Amino acid sequence: MITEVKPLVEINQQALRLLYQELGVVNAVRFLKQFTAGFGDYTKERDALFGKRTLDEIVAEIENQRARPTSAPT
């Protein structure tokens, strides 16, 4: 059996088209995201965002922000 060897870029394009057709763009992107390694250093980012605050302190801050009235854009 002889098969045509396609360039990888063509295979990727065909696979993306099939995913988009079968899953829709949003779900295809969600599917693909699970295979990406991401970037950055979560530990450093977490420390910069939350420092030594407890979970209760973070939740209280979120609740306070949600309770604030939002002003309409002018």
C-alpha atoms as a PDB file:
ATOM      1  CA  MET A   1       0.000   0.000   0.000  1.00  0.00           C
ATOM      2  CA  ILE A   2       1.375   3.380  -1.026  1.00  0.00           C
ATOM      3  CA  THR A   3       0.196   6.463   0.827  1.00  0.00           C
ATOM      4  CA  GLU A   4       0.884  10.067   0.031  1.00  0.00           C
ATOM      5  CA  VAL A   5       2.916  11.805   2.706  1.00  0.00           C
ATOM      6  CA  LYS A   6       1.446  15.242   3.238  1.00  0.00           C
ATOM      7  CA  PRO A   7       3.373  18.096   4.802  1.00  0.00           C
ATOM      8  CA  LEU A   8       2.554  18.501   8.484  1.00  0.00           C
ATOM      9  CA  VAL A   9       1.143  21.981   7.907  1.00  0.00           C
ATOM     10  CA  GLU A  10      -1.485  20.530   5.547  1.00  0.00           C
ATOM     11  CA  ILE A  11      -2.417  17.829   8.032  1.00  0.00           C
ATOM     12  CA  ASN A  12      -2.793  20.454  10.778  1.00  0.00           C
ATOM     13  CA  GLN A  13      -4.993  22.643   8.567  1.00  0.00           C
ATOM     14  CA  GLN A  14      -7.187  19.690   7.616  1.00  0.00           C
ATOM     15  CA  ALA A  15      -7.475  18.578  11.241  1.00  0.00           C
ATOM     16  CA  LEU A  16      -8.483  22.082  12.365  1.00  0.00           C
ATOM     17  CA  ARG A  17     -11.130  22.305   9.640  1.00  0.00           C
ATOM     18  CA  LEU A  18     -12.565  18.961  10.738  1.00  0.00           C
ATOM     19  CA  LEU A  19     -12.565  19.962  14.397  1.00  0.00           C
ATOM     20  CA  TYR A  20     -14.299  23.260  13.599  1.00  0.00           C
ATOM     21  CA  GLN A  21     -16.913  21.485  11.472  1.00  0.00           C
ATOM     22  CA  GLU A  22     -17.639  18.756  14.009  1.00  0.00           C
ATOM     23  CA  LEU A  23     -17.291  20.635  17.290  1.00  0.00           C
ATOM     24  CA  GLY A  24     -17.734  24.278  16.356  1.00  0.00           C
ATOM     25  CA  VAL A  25     -15.030  26.881  16.835  1.00  0.00           C
ATOM     26  CA  VAL A  26     -15.516  27.397  20.588  1.00  0.00           C
ATOM     27  CA  ASN A  27     -15.450  23.721  21.522  1.00  0.00           C
ATOM     28  CA  ALA A  28     -12.586  23.022  19.119  1.00  0.00           C
ATOM     29  CA  VAL A  29     -10.521  25.731  20.816  1.00  0.00           C
ATOM     30  CA  ARG A  30     -11.449  24.351  24.246  1.00  0.00           C
ATOM     31  CA  PHE A  31     -10.354  20.903  23.084  1.00  0.00           C
ATOM     32  CA  LEU A  32      -7.026  22.188  21.756  1.00  0.00           C
ATOM     33  CA  LYS A  33      -6.265  24.237  24.873  1.00  0.00           C
ATOM     34  CA  GLN A  34      -5.981  21.114  26.981  1.00  0.00           C
ATOM     35  CA  PHE A  35      -2.835  20.174  25.048  1.00  0.00           C
ATOM     36  CA  THR A  36      -0.974  23.450  25.547  1.00  0.00           C
ATOM     37  CA  ALA A  37       1.565  23.755  28.314  1.00  0.00           C
ATOM     38  CA  GLY A  38       0.823  27.386  29.029  1.00  0.00           C
ATOM     39  CA  PHE A  39       3.452  29.874  30.106  1.00  0.00           C
ATOM     40  CA  GLY A  40       4.653  31.826  33.083  1.00  0.00           C
ATOM     41  CA  ASP A  41       5.323  30.815  36.660  1.00  0.00           C
ATOM     42  CA  TYR A  42       2.050  30.223  38.475  1.00  0.00           C
ATOM     43  CA  THR A  43       3.709  30.148  41.898  1.00  0.00           C
ATOM     44  CA  LYS A  44       5.247  33.618  41.459  1.00  0.00           C
ATOM     45  CA  GLU A  45       2.047  35.014  39.941  1.00  0.00           C
ATOM     46  CA  ARG A  46      -0.049  33.564  42.779  1.00  0.00           C
ATOM     47  CA  ASP A  47       2.246  35.093  45.379  1.00  0.00           C
ATOM     48  CA  ALA A  48       2.134  38.471  43.599  1.00  0.00           C
ATOM     49  CA  LEU A  49      -1.676  38.372  43.417  1.00  0.00           C
ATOM     50  CA  PHE A  50      -2.561  36.938  46.787  1.00  0.00           C
ATOM     51  CA  GLY A  51       0.536  37.234  48.967  1.00  0.00           C
ATOM     52  CA  LYS A  52      -0.120  35.881  52.436  1.00  0.00           C
ATOM     53  CA  ARG A  53      -3.867  36.533  52.401  1.00  0.00           C
ATOM     54  CA  THR A  54      -6.110  33.733  53.537  1.00  0.00           C
ATOM     55  CA  LEU A  55      -8.894  32.271  51.444  1.00  0.00           C
ATOM     56  CA  ASP A  56     -11.434  33.972  53.719  1.00  0.00           C
ATOM     57  CA  GLU A  57      -9.777  37.355  53.083  1.00  0.00           C
ATOM     58  CA  ILE A  58      -9.812  36.804  49.330  1.00  0.00           C
ATOM     59  CA  VAL A  59     -13.474  35.741  49.369  1.00  0.00           C
ATOM     60  CA  ALA A  60     -14.383  38.788  51.461  1.00  0.00           C
ATOM     61  CA  GLU A  61     -12.626  41.053  48.968  1.00  0.00           C
ATOM     62  CA  ILE A  62     -14.535  39.473  46.074  1.00  0.00           C
ATOM     63  CA  GLU A  63     -17.835  39.864  47.923  1.00  0.00           C
ATOM     64  CA  ASN A  64     -17.055  43.522  48.697  1.00  0.00           C
ATOM     65  CA  GLN A  65     -16.318  44.228  45.040  1.00  0.00           C
ATOM     66  CA  ARG A  66     -19.529  42.526  43.949  1.00  0.00           C
ATOM     67  CA  ALA A  67     -21.536  44.550  46.465  1.00  0.00           C
ATOM     68  CA  ARG A  68     -20.277  47.887  45.115  1.00  0.00           C
ATOM     69  CA  PRO A  69     -22.716  49.578  42.761  1.00  0.00           C
ATOM     70  CA  THR A  70     -21.431  49.804  39.257  1.00  0.00           C
ATOM     71  CA  SER A  71     -21.525  53.191  37.623  1.00  0.00           C
ATOM     72  CA  ALA A  72     -22.875  53.518  34.123  1.00  0.00           C
ATOM     73  CA  PRO A  73     -20.385  54.706  31.491  1.00  0.00           C
ATOM     74  CA  THR A  74     -20.765  58.344  30.548  1.00  0.00           C
END
